[in-house]
Protein backbone atom coordinates (compact mmCIF):
# COMPACT_ATOMS: atom_id res chain seq x y z
CA UNK A 1 -12.47 -2.28 -23.51
CA UNK A 2 -14.31 0.38 -21.44
CA UNK A 3 -12.51 2.84 -19.17
CA UNK A 4 -13.62 1.03 -16.06
CA UNK A 5 -12.82 -2.50 -17.00
CA UNK A 6 -9.60 -4.19 -15.72
CA UNK A 7 -7.23 -5.74 -18.51
CA UNK A 8 -7.21 -9.50 -18.20
CA UNK A 9 -3.48 -9.74 -17.32
CA UNK A 10 -3.85 -7.19 -14.55
CA UNK A 11 -6.68 -9.19 -13.05
CA UNK A 12 -4.55 -12.35 -13.31
CA UNK A 13 -1.58 -10.55 -11.46
CA UNK A 14 -3.97 -9.35 -8.89
CA UNK A 15 -5.18 -12.93 -8.12
CA UNK A 16 -1.58 -14.08 -7.94
CA UNK A 17 -0.90 -11.39 -5.35
CA UNK A 18 -3.82 -12.51 -3.25
CA UNK A 19 -1.99 -16.06 -2.96
CA UNK A 20 1.20 -14.60 -1.35
CA UNK A 21 1.60 -14.98 2.37
CA UNK A 22 0.84 -11.65 4.30
CA UNK A 23 2.46 -10.60 7.59
CA UNK A 24 1.48 -7.62 9.77
CA UNK A 25 4.74 -5.82 10.38
CA UNK A 26 3.72 -5.08 13.95
CA UNK A 27 3.62 -8.87 14.57
CA UNK A 28 7.19 -9.01 13.39
CA UNK A 29 8.11 -6.23 15.72
CA UNK A 30 6.13 -6.91 18.85
CA UNK A 31 8.12 -4.51 21.10
CA UNK A 32 9.73 -1.43 19.78
CA UNK A 33 10.23 -0.23 16.23
CA UNK A 34 13.02 -2.46 14.81
CA UNK A 35 13.59 -6.14 13.95
CA UNK A 36 16.33 -7.99 12.29
CA UNK A 37 15.70 -10.18 9.25
CA UNK A 38 18.37 -12.75 8.03
CA UNK A 39 18.43 -13.95 4.42
CA UNK A 40 21.22 -16.16 3.32
CA UNK A 41 23.42 -14.91 6.20
CA UNK A 42 22.86 -11.33 5.37
CA UNK A 43 21.20 -9.29 8.18
CA UNK A 44 18.65 -6.62 7.41
CA UNK A 45 16.92 -4.26 9.59
CA UNK A 46 13.30 -3.61 9.33
CA UNK A 47 12.10 -0.37 11.02
CA UNK A 48 8.77 1.28 11.50
CA UNK A 49 9.08 4.96 11.37
CA UNK A 50 7.03 7.41 13.51
CA UNK A 51 5.05 8.08 10.36
CA UNK A 52 4.08 4.55 10.14
CA UNK A 53 6.37 3.69 7.01
CA UNK A 54 8.55 0.67 6.77
CA UNK A 55 12.23 0.95 6.05
CA UNK A 56 14.30 -2.18 5.22
CA UNK A 57 18.11 -1.55 5.31
CA UNK A 58 21.07 -3.81 4.96
């Protein structure tokens, strides 16, 4: 295998990632910088920082 070739299992993993649903965080947080997400009754806070990073806290 050459240095620039992608290993077969990495290519397969990348193809699987492409099948996942994708959401723009700014669509989830249309006004402001925070949104609440609920999973199995647990509330999480999704926050967009001033630097444009995402933080998810419980």
